[in-house]
Amino acid sequence: MQIAVEEAAREMERKMKMIQEIRAFDRTPTSTAKFVDLTSTAGFGFLCEMSIAELRERIALIKEEESRELEEKRGDILAEKVSYKKMIEQKLEAISHNRSVISQETAKSHG
């Protein structure tokens, strides 16, 4: 009878250890992240398919092109602004010169 009790106790202890191991296994975090190859395409067979790496490269090229165009526009606007300012200054100079000529002519005719 005592042997049966000891055997039952050992069996119970073994089962408790198994339960503890199962619970410990359940508590450990598992990695759910999947590996993604950024250089491969989705594989749907479309002609326009591209990998994420190629897409990022094309976006960078487009941004660079847009930046270059923006700088070019800024340069054109600045050159146009300088040209317009120069034209206004020339017209003001011409007006000032004409006024001085007219005032000299009126002074000669009155004097």
PDB file of N, CA and C in Angstrom:
ATOM      1  N   MET A   1       0.819  -1.185   0.000  1.00  0.00           N
ATOM      2  CA  MET A   1       0.000   0.000   0.000  1.00  0.00           C
ATOM      3  C   MET A   1       0.868   1.257   0.000  1.00  0.00           C
ATOM      4  N   GLN A   2       1.911   1.237   0.764  1.00  0.00           N
ATOM      5  CA  GLN A   2       2.797   2.380   0.831  1.00  0.00           C
ATOM      6  C   GLN A   2       3.498   2.579  -0.521  1.00  0.00           C
ATOM      7  N   ILE A   3       3.820   1.539  -1.213  1.00  0.00           N
ATOM      8  CA  ILE A   3       4.466   1.625  -2.521  1.00  0.00           C
ATOM      9  C   ILE A   3       3.522   2.284  -3.522  1.00  0.00           C
ATOM     10  N   ALA A   4       2.255   1.943  -3.462  1.00  0.00           N
ATOM     11  CA  ALA A   4       1.267   2.536  -4.361  1.00  0.00           C
ATOM     12  C   ALA A   4       1.114   4.013  -4.082  1.00  0.00           C
ATOM     13  N   VAL A   5       1.156   4.425  -2.831  1.00  0.00           N
ATOM     14  CA  VAL A   5       1.038   5.838  -2.461  1.00  0.00           C
ATOM     15  C   VAL A   5       2.266   6.588  -2.956  1.00  0.00           C
ATOM     16  N   GLU A   6       3.463   6.004  -2.777  1.00  0.00           N
ATOM     17  CA  GLU A   6       4.688   6.660  -3.235  1.00  0.00           C
ATOM     18  C   GLU A   6       4.695   6.784  -4.758  1.00  0.00           C
ATOM     19  N   GLU A   7       4.228   5.733  -5.402  1.00  0.00           N
ATOM     20  CA  GLU A   7       4.162   5.754  -6.866  1.00  0.00           C
ATOM     21  C   GLU A   7       3.171   6.812  -7.345  1.00  0.00           C
ATOM     22  N   ALA A   8       2.043   6.924  -6.687  1.00  0.00           N
ATOM     23  CA  ALA A   8       1.046   7.934  -7.036  1.00  0.00           C
ATOM     24  C   ALA A   8       1.610   9.332  -6.799  1.00  0.00           C
ATOM     25  N   ALA A   9       2.369   9.493  -5.718  1.00  0.00           N
ATOM     26  CA  ALA A   9       2.973  10.794  -5.421  1.00  0.00           C
ATOM     27  C   ALA A   9       3.991  11.167  -6.496  1.00  0.00           C
ATOM     28  N   ARG A  10       4.821  10.200  -6.929  1.00  0.00           N
ATOM     29  CA  ARG A  10       5.790  10.461  -7.991  1.00  0.00           C
ATOM     30  C   ARG A  10       5.092  10.798  -9.310  1.00  0.00           C
ATOM     31  N   GLU A  11       4.018  10.068  -9.582  1.00  0.00           N
ATOM     32  CA  GLU A  11       3.251  10.332 -10.809  1.00  0.00           C
ATOM     33  C   GLU A  11       2.651  11.736 -10.761  1.00  0.00           C
ATOM     34  N   MET A  12       2.128  12.118  -9.597  1.00  0.00           N
ATOM     35  CA  MET A  12       1.548  13.454  -9.421  1.00  0.00           C
ATOM     36  C   MET A  12       2.628  14.522  -9.579  1.00  0.00           C
ATOM     37  N   GLU A  13       3.800  14.259  -9.010  1.00  0.00           N
ATOM     38  CA  GLU A  13       4.915  15.207  -9.114  1.00  0.00           C
ATOM     39  C   GLU A  13       5.357  15.350 -10.574  1.00  0.00           C
ATOM     40  N   ARG A  14       5.418  14.251 -11.305  1.00  0.00           N
ATOM     41  CA  ARG A  14       5.793  14.284 -12.722  1.00  0.00           C
ATOM     42  C   ARG A  14       4.774  15.087 -13.530  1.00  0.00           C
ATOM     43  N   LYS A  15       3.514  14.874 -13.236  1.00  0.00           N
ATOM     44  CA  LYS A  15       2.457  15.618 -13.941  1.00  0.00           C
ATOM     45  C   LYS A  15       2.533  17.105 -13.625  1.00  0.00           C
ATOM     46  N   MET A  16       2.821  17.450 -12.359  1.00  0.00           N
ATOM     47  CA  MET A  16       2.931  18.869 -11.976  1.00  0.00           C
ATOM     48  C   MET A  16       4.109  19.524 -12.706  1.00  0.00           C
ATOM     49  N   LYS A  17       5.226  18.790 -12.845  1.00  0.00           N
ATOM     50  CA  LYS A  17       6.375  19.330 -13.576  1.00  0.00           C
ATOM     51  C   LYS A  17       6.031  19.554 -15.034  1.00  0.00           C
ATOM     52  N   MET A  18       5.300  18.618 -15.632  1.00  0.00           N
ATOM     53  CA  MET A  18       4.892  18.776 -17.023  1.00  0.00           C
ATOM     54  C   MET A  18       3.984  19.988 -17.191  1.00  0.00           C
ATOM     55  N   ILE A  19       3.054  20.173 -16.257  1.00  0.00           N
ATOM     56  CA  ILE A  19       2.142  21.327 -16.304  1.00  0.00           C
ATOM     57  C   ILE A  19       2.942  22.616 -16.178  1.00  0.00           C
ATOM     58  N   GLN A  20       3.925  22.650 -15.270  1.00  0.00           N
ATOM     59  CA  GLN A  20       4.751  23.844 -15.108  1.00  0.00           C
ATOM     60  C   GLN A  20       5.547  24.131 -16.384  1.00  0.00           C
ATOM     61  N   GLU A  21       6.066  23.101 -17.024  1.00  0.00           N
ATOM     62  CA  GLU A  21       6.818  23.288 -18.264  1.00  0.00           C
ATOM     63  C   GLU A  21       5.915  23.816 -19.373  1.00  0.00           C
ATOM     64  N   ILE A  22       4.701  23.292 -19.460  1.00  0.00           N
ATOM     65  CA  ILE A  22       3.752  23.761 -20.478  1.00  0.00           C
ATOM     66  C   ILE A  22       3.404  25.221 -20.235  1.00  0.00           C
ATOM     67  N   ARG A  23       3.146  25.582 -18.979  1.00  0.00           N
ATOM     68  CA  ARG A  23       2.816  26.980 -18.656  1.00  0.00           C
ATOM     69  C   ARG A  23       4.000  27.900 -18.955  1.00  0.00           C
ATOM     70  N   ALA A  24       5.209  27.463 -18.635  1.00  0.00           N
ATOM     71  CA  ALA A  24       6.408  28.260 -18.922  1.00  0.00           C
ATOM     72  C   ALA A  24       6.569  28.437 -20.423  1.00  0.00           C
ATOM     73  N   PHE A  25       6.303  27.379 -21.177  1.00  0.00           N
ATOM     74  CA  PHE A  25       6.386  27.461 -22.633  1.00  0.00           C
ATOM     75  C   PHE A  25       5.352  28.426 -23.194  1.00  0.00           C
ATOM     76  N   ASP A  26       4.148  28.406 -22.634  1.00  0.00           N
ATOM     77  CA  ASP A  26       3.095  29.321 -23.091  1.00  0.00           C
ATOM     78  C   ASP A  26       3.419  30.773 -22.774  1.00  0.00           C
ATOM     79  N   ARG A  27       4.135  31.004 -21.676  1.00  0.00           N
ATOM     80  CA  ARG A  27       4.465  32.377 -21.275  1.00  0.00           C
ATOM     81  C   ARG A  27       5.585  32.989 -22.109  1.00  0.00           C
ATOM     82  N   THR A  28       6.428  32.161 -22.679  1.00  0.00           N
ATOM     83  CA  THR A  28       7.548  32.710 -23.460  1.00  0.00           C
ATOM     84  C   THR A  28       7.011  33.330 -24.743  1.00  0.00           C
ATOM     85  N   PRO A  29       7.466  34.551 -25.049  1.00  0.00           N
ATOM     86  CA  PRO A  29       6.980  35.210 -26.257  1.00  0.00           C
ATOM     87  C   PRO A  29       7.523  34.533 -27.510  1.00  0.00           C
ATOM     88  N   THR A  30       6.672  34.427 -28.475  1.00  0.00           N
ATOM     89  CA  THR A  30       7.093  33.845 -29.749  1.00  0.00           C
ATOM     90  C   THR A  30       7.219  34.954 -30.778  1.00  0.00           C
ATOM     91  N   SER A  31       8.145  34.809 -31.656  1.00  0.00           N
ATOM     92  CA  SER A  31       8.372  35.813 -32.692  1.00  0.00           C
ATOM     93  C   SER A  31       7.340  35.620 -33.799  1.00  0.00           C
ATOM     94  N   THR A  32       6.508  36.633 -33.995  1.00  0.00           N
ATOM     95  CA  THR A  32       5.498  36.575 -35.052  1.00  0.00           C
ATOM     96  C   THR A  32       5.924  37.380 -36.273  1.00  0.00           C
ATOM     97  N   ALA A  33       7.098  38.007 -36.204  1.00  0.00           N
ATOM     98  CA  ALA A  33       7.574  38.811 -37.326  1.00  0.00           C
ATOM     99  C   ALA A  33       8.001  37.888 -38.464  1.00  0.00           C
ATOM    100  N   LYS A  34       7.616  38.283 -39.646  1.00  0.00           N
ATOM    101  CA  LYS A  34       7.989  37.505 -40.820  1.00  0.00           C
ATOM    102  C   LYS A  34       9.117  38.216 -41.553  1.00  0.00           C
ATOM    103  N   PHE A  35      10.001  37.442 -42.123  1.00  0.00           N
ATOM    104  CA  PHE A  35      11.105  38.008 -42.885  1.00  0.00           C
ATOM    105  C   PHE A  35      10.572  38.486 -44.239  1.00  0.00           C
ATOM    106  N   VAL A  36      10.907  39.730 -44.570  1.00  0.00           N
ATOM    107  CA  VAL A  36      10.473  40.301 -45.840  1.00  0.00           C
ATOM    108  C   VAL A  36      11.702  40.638 -46.664  1.00  0.00           C
ATOM    109  N   ASP A  37      11.746  40.110 -47.863  1.00  0.00           N
ATOM    110  CA  ASP A  37      12.838  40.403 -48.779  1.00  0.00           C
ATOM    111  C   ASP A  37      12.441  41.628 -49.598  1.00  0.00           C
ATOM    112  N   LEU A  38      13.112  42.749 -49.331  1.00  0.00           N
ATOM    113  CA  LEU A  38      12.765  44.003 -49.991  1.00  0.00           C
ATOM    114  C   LEU A  38      13.172  44.039 -51.457  1.00  0.00           C
ATOM    115  N   THR A  39      13.975  43.075 -51.889  1.00  0.00           N
ATOM    116  CA  THR A  39      14.421  43.080 -53.278  1.00  0.00           C
ATOM    117  C   THR A  39      13.587  42.172 -54.170  1.00  0.00           C
ATOM    118  N   SER A  40      12.608  41.481 -53.608  1.00  0.00           N
ATOM    119  CA  SER A  40      11.778  40.591 -54.436  1.00  0.00           C
ATOM    120  C   SER A  40      10.434  41.247 -54.729  1.00  0.00           C
ATOM    121  N   THR A  41       9.842  40.856 -55.837  1.00  0.00           N
ATOM    122  CA  THR A  41       8.518  41.381 -56.203  1.00  0.00           C
ATOM    123  C   THR A  41       7.436  40.500 -55.606  1.00  0.00           C
ATOM    124  N   ALA A  42       6.212  40.947 -55.707  1.00  0.00           N
ATOM    125  CA  ALA A  42       5.098  40.199 -55.134  1.00  0.00           C
ATOM    126  C   ALA A  42       4.822  38.916 -55.909  1.00  0.00           C
ATOM    127  N   GLY A  43       5.176  38.892 -57.175  1.00  0.00           N
ATOM    128  CA  GLY A  43       5.039  37.680 -57.963  1.00  0.00           C
ATOM    129  C   GLY A  43       3.677  37.489 -58.595  1.00  0.00           C
ATOM    130  N   PHE A  44       2.942  38.578 -58.801  1.00  0.00           N
ATOM    131  CA  PHE A  44       1.628  38.472 -59.435  1.00  0.00           C
ATOM    132  C   PHE A  44       1.724  38.396 -60.956  1.00  0.00           C
ATOM    133  N   GLY A  45       2.879  38.697 -61.512  1.00  0.00           N
ATOM    134  CA  GLY A  45       3.082  38.582 -62.948  1.00  0.00           C
ATOM    135  C   GLY A  45       2.766  39.845 -63.728  1.00  0.00           C
ATOM    136  N   PHE A  46       2.564  40.964 -63.048  1.00  0.00           N
ATOM    137  CA  PHE A  46       2.306  42.214 -63.758  1.00  0.00           C
ATOM    138  C   PHE A  46       3.596  42.761 -64.341  1.00  0.00           C
ATOM    139  N   LEU A  47       3.484  43.461 -65.459  1.00  0.00           N
ATOM    140  CA  LEU A  47       4.670  44.037 -66.085  1.00  0.00           C
ATOM    141  C   LEU A  47       5.239  45.180 -65.248  1.00  0.00           C
ATOM    142  N   CYS A  48       4.372  45.833 -64.503  1.00  0.00           N
ATOM    143  CA  CYS A  48       4.807  47.002 -63.738  1.00  0.00           C
ATOM    144  C   CYS A  48       5.216  46.645 -62.312  1.00  0.00           C
ATOM    145  N   GLU A  49       5.359  45.364 -62.006  1.00  0.00           N
ATOM    146  CA  GLU A  49       5.769  44.964 -60.663  1.00  0.00           C
ATOM    147  C   GLU A  49       7.182  45.431 -60.374  1.00  0.00           C
ATOM    148  N   MET A  50       7.388  45.876 -59.144  1.00  0.00           N
ATOM    149  CA  MET A  50       8.735  46.234 -58.731  1.00  0.00           C
ATOM    150  C   MET A  50       8.883  45.944 -57.245  1.00  0.00           C
ATOM    151  N   SER A  51      10.096  45.738 -56.837  1.00  0.00           N
ATOM    152  CA  SER A  51      10.360  45.443 -55.435  1.00  0.00           C
ATOM    153  C   SER A  51      10.298  46.739 -54.633  1.00  0.00           C
ATOM    154  N   ILE A  52      10.240  46.579 -53.328  1.00  0.00           N
ATOM    155  CA  ILE A  52      10.191  47.756 -52.445  1.00  0.00           C
ATOM    156  C   ILE A  52      11.491  48.539 -52.568  1.00  0.00           C
ATOM    157  N   ALA A  53      12.598  47.842 -52.711  1.00  0.00           N
ATOM    158  CA  ALA A  53      13.883  48.528 -52.864  1.00  0.00           C
ATOM    159  C   ALA A  53      13.901  49.363 -54.139  1.00  0.00           C
ATOM    160  N   GLU A  54      13.392  48.805 -55.233  1.00  0.00           N
ATOM    161  CA  GLU A  54      13.339  49.553 -56.504  1.00  0.00           C
ATOM    162  C   GLU A  54      12.378  50.735 -56.381  1.00  0.00           C
ATOM    163  N   LEU A  55      11.262  50.516 -55.699  1.00  0.00           N
ATOM    164  CA  LEU A  55      10.297  51.596 -55.499  1.00  0.00           C
ATOM    165  C   LEU A  55      10.922  52.740 -54.710  1.00  0.00           C
ATOM    166  N   ARG A  56      11.639  52.409 -53.656  1.00  0.00           N
ATOM    167  CA  ARG A  56      12.311  53.445 -52.858  1.00  0.00           C
ATOM    168  C   ARG A  56      13.347  54.195 -53.694  1.00  0.00           C
ATOM    169  N   GLU A  57      14.063  53.464 -54.541  1.00  0.00           N
ATOM    170  CA  GLU A  57      15.071  54.089 -55.398  1.00  0.00           C
ATOM    171  C   GLU A  57      14.411  55.049 -56.382  1.00  0.00           C
ATOM    172  N   ARG A  58      13.311  54.608 -56.975  1.00  0.00           N
ATOM    173  CA  ARG A  58      12.609  55.479 -57.933  1.00  0.00           C
ATOM    174  C   ARG A  58      12.036  56.715 -57.236  1.00  0.00           C
ATOM    175  N   ILE A  59      11.505  56.546 -56.043  1.00  0.00           N
ATOM    176  CA  ILE A  59      10.981  57.689 -55.290  1.00  0.00           C
ATOM    177  C   ILE A  59      12.105  58.674 -55.004  1.00  0.00           C
ATOM    178  N   ALA A  60      13.271  58.172 -54.629  1.00  0.00           N
ATOM    179  CA  ALA A  60      14.416  59.054 -54.366  1.00  0.00           C
ATOM    180  C   ALA A  60      14.817  59.814 -55.627  1.00  0.00           C
ATOM    181  N   LEU A  61      14.812  59.133 -56.772  1.00  0.00           N
ATOM    182  CA  LEU A  61      15.156  59.806 -58.031  1.00  0.00           C
ATOM    183  C   LEU A  61      14.132  60.876 -58.392  1.00  0.00           C
ATOM    184  N   ILE A  62      12.859  60.569 -58.178  1.00  0.00           N
ATOM    185  CA  ILE A  62      11.804  61.540 -58.475  1.00  0.00           C
ATOM    186  C   ILE A  62      11.929  62.756 -57.563  1.00  0.00           C
ATOM    187  N   LYS A  63      12.192  62.518 -56.274  1.00  0.00           N
ATOM    188  CA  LYS A  63      12.363  63.636 -55.339  1.00  0.00           C
ATOM    189  C   LYS A  63      13.556  64.497 -55.727  1.00  0.00           C
ATOM    190  N   GLU A  64      14.634  63.849 -56.153  1.00  0.00           N
ATOM    191  CA  GLU A  64      15.820  64.580 -56.581  1.00  0.00           C
ATOM    192  C   GLU A  64      15.507  65.432 -57.816  1.00  0.00           C
ATOM    193  N   GLU A  65      14.768  64.863 -58.764  1.00  0.00           N
ATOM    194  CA  GLU A  65      14.378  65.588 -59.979  1.00  0.00           C
ATOM    195  C   GLU A  65      13.482  66.775 -59.630  1.00  0.00           C
ATOM    196  N   GLU A  66      12.522  66.559 -58.743  1.00  0.00           N
ATOM    197  CA  GLU A  66      11.631  67.646 -58.320  1.00  0.00           C
ATOM    198  C   GLU A  66      12.420  68.749 -57.628  1.00  0.00           C
ATOM    199  N   SER A  67      13.375  68.361 -56.799  1.00  0.00           N
ATOM    200  CA  SER A  67      14.207  69.343 -56.109  1.00  0.00           C
ATOM    201  C   SER A  67      15.013  70.165 -57.106  1.00  0.00           C
ATOM    202  N   ARG A  68      15.572  69.489 -58.116  1.00  0.00           N
ATOM    203  CA  ARG A  68      16.345  70.185 -59.141  1.00  0.00           C
ATOM    204  C   ARG A  68      15.461  71.156 -59.919  1.00  0.00           C
ATOM    205  N   GLU A  69      14.259  70.701 -60.283  1.00  0.00           N
ATOM    206  CA  GLU A  69      13.331  71.571 -61.007  1.00  0.00           C
ATOM    207  C   GLU A  69      12.924  72.774 -60.158  1.00  0.00           C
ATOM    208  N   LEU A  70      12.712  72.545 -58.872  1.00  0.00           N
ATOM    209  CA  LEU A  70      12.339  73.634 -57.974  1.00  0.00           C
ATOM    210  C   LEU A  70      13.461  74.665 -57.882  1.00  0.00           C
ATOM    211  N   GLU A  71      14.694  74.196 -57.764  1.00  0.00           N
ATOM    212  CA  GLU A  71      15.831  75.115 -57.719  1.00  0.00           C
ATOM    213  C   GLU A  71      15.955  75.889 -59.031  1.00  0.00           C
ATOM    214  N   GLU A  72      15.702  75.209 -60.148  1.00  0.00           N
ATOM    215  CA  GLU A  72      15.759  75.867 -61.450  1.00  0.00           C
ATOM    216  C   GLU A  72      14.684  76.954 -61.545  1.00  0.00           C
ATOM    217  N   LYS A  73      13.481  76.646 -61.071  1.00  0.00           N
ATOM    218  CA  LYS A  73      12.403  77.643 -61.080  1.00  0.00           C
ATOM    219  C   LYS A  73      12.755  78.829 -60.201  1.00  0.00           C
ATOM    220  N   ARG A  74      13.325  78.543 -59.041  1.00  0.00           N
ATOM    221  CA  ARG A  74      13.727  79.630 -58.142  1.00  0.00           C
ATOM    222  C   ARG A  74      14.765  80.524 -58.816  1.00  0.00           C
ATOM    223  N   GLY A  75      15.718  79.909 -59.513  1.00  0.00           N
ATOM    224  CA  GLY A  75      16.733  80.681 -60.224  1.00  0.00           C
ATOM    225  C   GLY A  75      16.109  81.531 -61.324  1.00  0.00           C
ATOM    226  N   ASP A  76      15.165  80.957 -62.071  1.00  0.00           N
ATOM    227  CA  ASP A  76      14.483  81.706 -63.130  1.00  0.00           C
ATOM    228  C   ASP A  76      13.697  82.880 -62.550  1.00  0.00           C
ATOM    229  N   ILE A  77      12.998  82.639 -61.464  1.00  0.00           N
ATOM    230  CA  ILE A  77      12.206  83.703 -60.832  1.00  0.00           C
ATOM    231  C   ILE A  77      13.127  84.810 -60.338  1.00  0.00           C
ATOM    232  N   LEU A  78      14.237  84.435 -59.731  1.00  0.00           N
ATOM    233  CA  LEU A  78      15.184  85.435 -59.235  1.00  0.00           C
ATOM    234  C   LEU A  78      15.774  86.244 -60.388  1.00  0.00           C
ATOM    235  N   ALA A  79      16.133  85.568 -61.481  1.00  0.00           N
ATOM    236  CA  ALA A  79      16.686  86.273 -62.643  1.00  0.00           C
ATOM    237  C   ALA A  79      15.641  87.217 -63.234  1.00  0.00           C
ATOM    238  N   GLU A  80      14.402  86.767 -63.300  1.00  0.00           N
ATOM    239  CA  GLU A  80      13.323  87.618 -63.814  1.00  0.00           C
ATOM    240  C   GLU A  80      13.102  88.819 -62.907  1.00  0.00           C
ATOM    241  N   LYS A  81      13.186  88.599 -61.622  1.00  0.00           N
ATOM    242  CA  LYS A  81      13.010  89.686 -60.651  1.00  0.00           C
ATOM    243  C   LYS A  81      14.122  90.730 -60.792  1.00  0.00           C
ATOM    244  N   VAL A  82      15.357  90.252 -60.949  1.00  0.00           N
ATOM    245  CA  VAL A  82      16.493  91.165 -61.119  1.00  0.00           C
ATOM    246  C   VAL A  82      16.338  91.944 -62.418  1.00  0.00           C
ATOM    247  N   SER A  83      15.935  91.261 -63.492  1.00  0.00           N
ATOM    248  CA  SER A  83      15.745  91.910 -64.782  1.00  0.00           C
ATOM    249  C   SER A  83      14.649  92.977 -64.695  1.00  0.00           C
ATOM    250  N   TYR A  84      13.552  92.649 -64.020  1.00  0.00           N
ATOM    251  CA  TYR A  84      12.444  93.595 -63.879  1.00  0.00           C
ATOM    252  C   TYR A  84      12.893  94.816 -63.067  1.00  0.00           C
ATOM    253  N   LYS A  85      13.649  94.562 -62.008  1.00  0.00           N
ATOM    254  CA  LYS A  85      14.130  95.663 -61.178  1.00  0.00           C
ATOM    255  C   LYS A  85      15.062  96.574 -61.985  1.00  0.00           C
ATOM    256  N   LYS A  86      15.924  95.970 -62.807  1.00  0.00           N
ATOM    257  CA  LYS A  86      16.839  96.744 -63.643  1.00  0.00           C
ATOM    258  C   LYS A  86      16.064  97.591 -64.648  1.00  0.00           C
ATOM    259  N   MET A  87      15.008  97.005 -65.254  1.00  0.00           N
ATOM    260  CA  MET A  87      14.187  97.740 -66.211  1.00  0.00           C
ATOM    261  C   MET A  87      13.495  98.930 -65.530  1.00  0.00           C
ATOM    262  N   ILE A  88      12.982  98.719 -64.331  1.00  0.00           N
ATOM    263  CA  ILE A  88      12.320  99.809 -63.588  1.00  0.00           C
ATOM    264  C   ILE A  88      13.328 100.918 -63.287  1.00  0.00           C
ATOM    265  N   GLU A  89      14.528 100.533 -62.854  1.00  0.00           N
ATOM    266  CA  GLU A  89      15.560 101.537 -62.564  1.00  0.00           C
ATOM    267  C   GLU A  89      15.925 102.328 -63.819  1.00  0.00           C
ATOM    268  N   GLN A  90      16.020 101.650 -64.977  1.00  0.00           N
ATOM    269  CA  GLN A  90      16.329 102.340 -66.233  1.00  0.00           C
ATOM    270  C   GLN A  90      15.215 103.312 -66.599  1.00  0.00           C
ATOM    271  N   LYS A  91      13.962 102.897 -66.416  1.00  0.00           N
ATOM    272  CA  LYS A  91      12.838 103.794 -66.723  1.00  0.00           C
ATOM    273  C   LYS A  91      12.833 104.999 -65.784  1.00  0.00           C
ATOM    274  N   LEU A  92      13.122 104.754 -64.504  1.00  0.00           N
ATOM    275  CA  LEU A  92      13.181 105.872 -63.557  1.00  0.00           C
ATOM    276  C   LEU A  92      14.301 106.839 -63.933  1.00  0.00           C
ATOM    277  N   GLU A  93      15.440 106.268 -64.359  1.00  0.00           N
ATOM    278  CA  GLU A  93      16.547 107.108 -64.804  1.00  0.00           C
ATOM    279  C   GLU A  93      16.154 107.931 -66.027  1.00  0.00           C
ATOM    280  N   ALA A  94      15.461 107.295 -66.976  1.00  0.00           N
ATOM    281  CA  ALA A  94      15.022 107.999 -68.186  1.00  0.00           C
ATOM    282  C   ALA A  94      14.038 109.099 -67.824  1.00  0.00           C
ATOM    283  N   ILE A  95      13.119 108.805 -66.937  1.00  0.00           N
ATOM    284  CA  ILE A  95      12.135 109.822 -66.508  1.00  0.00           C
ATOM    285  C   ILE A  95      12.855 110.974 -65.820  1.00  0.00           C
ATOM    286  N   SER A  96      13.784 110.643 -64.929  1.00  0.00           N
ATOM    287  CA  SER A  96      14.540 111.686 -64.232  1.00  0.00           C
ATOM    288  C   SER A  96      15.347 112.530 -65.232  1.00  0.00           C
ATOM    289  N   HIS A  97      15.964 111.886 -66.196  1.00  0.00           N
ATOM    290  CA  HIS A  97      16.731 112.611 -67.213  1.00  0.00           C
ATOM    291  C   HIS A  97      15.807 113.518 -68.031  1.00  0.00           C
ATOM    292  N   ASN A  98      14.667 112.963 -68.458  1.00  0.00           N
ATOM    293  CA  ASN A  98      13.718 113.774 -69.239  1.00  0.00           C
ATOM    294  C   ASN A  98      13.221 114.965 -68.433  1.00  0.00           C
ATOM    295  N   ARG A  99      12.951 114.779 -67.162  1.00  0.00           N
ATOM    296  CA  ARG A  99      12.498 115.897 -66.320  1.00  0.00           C
ATOM    297  C   ARG A  99      13.573 116.973 -66.215  1.00  0.00           C
ATOM    298  N   SER A 100      14.818 116.546 -66.060  1.00  0.00           N
ATOM    299  CA  SER A 100      15.894 117.541 -65.949  1.00  0.00           C
ATOM    300  C   SER A 100      16.076 118.281 -67.276  1.00  0.00           C
ATOM    301  N   VAL A 101      15.941 117.548 -68.394  1.00  0.00           N
ATOM    302  CA  VAL A 101      16.051 118.201 -69.704  1.00  0.00           C
ATOM    303  C   VAL A 101      14.909 119.203 -69.877  1.00  0.00           C
ATOM    304  N   ILE A 102      13.695 118.800 -69.520  1.00  0.00           N
ATOM    305  CA  ILE A 102      12.531 119.696 -69.656  1.00  0.00           C
ATOM    306  C   ILE A 102      12.685 120.902 -68.747  1.00  0.00           C
ATOM    307  N   SER A 103      13.162 120.679 -67.515  1.00  0.00           N
ATOM    308  CA  SER A 103      13.330 121.823 -66.607  1.00  0.00           C
ATOM    309  C   SER A 103      14.422 122.767 -67.110  1.00  0.00           C
ATOM    310  N   GLN A 104      15.479 122.229 -67.737  1.00  0.00           N
ATOM    311  CA  GLN A 104      16.528 123.080 -68.303  1.00  0.00           C
ATOM    312  C   GLN A 104      15.988 123.870 -69.497  1.00  0.00           C
ATOM    313  N   GLU A 105      15.167 123.226 -70.318  1.00  0.00           N
ATOM    314  CA  GLU A 105      14.598 123.912 -71.488  1.00  0.00           C
ATOM    315  C   GLU A 105      13.629 125.020 -71.045  1.00  0.00           C
ATOM    316  N   THR A 106      12.846 124.737 -70.043  1.00  0.00           N
ATOM    317  CA  THR A 106      11.931 125.769 -69.556  1.00  0.00           C
ATOM    318  C   THR A 106      12.699 126.908 -68.909  1.00  0.00           C
ATOM    319  N   ALA A 107      13.802 126.586 -68.261  1.00  0.00           N
ATOM    320  CA  ALA A 107      14.621 127.626 -67.628  1.00  0.00           C
ATOM    321  C   ALA A 107      15.278 128.486 -68.702  1.00  0.00           C
ATOM    322  N   LYS A 108      15.720 127.895 -69.823  1.00  0.00           N
ATOM    323  CA  LYS A 108      16.329 128.646 -70.903  1.00  0.00           C
ATOM    324  C   LYS A 108      15.307 129.496 -71.615  1.00  0.00           C
ATOM    325  N   SER A 109      14.082 128.935 -71.800  1.00  0.00           N
ATOM    326  CA  SER A 109      13.081 129.707 -72.505  1.00  0.00           C
ATOM    327  C   SER A 109      12.543 130.843 -71.633  1.00  0.00           C
ATOM    328  N   HIS A 110      12.548 130.733 -70.325  1.00  0.00           N
ATOM    329  CA  HIS A 110      12.067 131.780 -69.439  1.00  0.00           C
ATOM    330  C   HIS A 110      13.190 132.728 -69.078  1.00  0.00           C
ATOM    331  N   GLY A 111      14.305 132.337 -69.273  1.00  0.00           N
ATOM    332  CA  GLY A 111      15.416 133.112 -68.779  1.00  0.00           C
ATOM    333  C   GLY A 111      16.175 133.850 -69.750  1.00  0.00           C
TER     334      GLY A 111
END
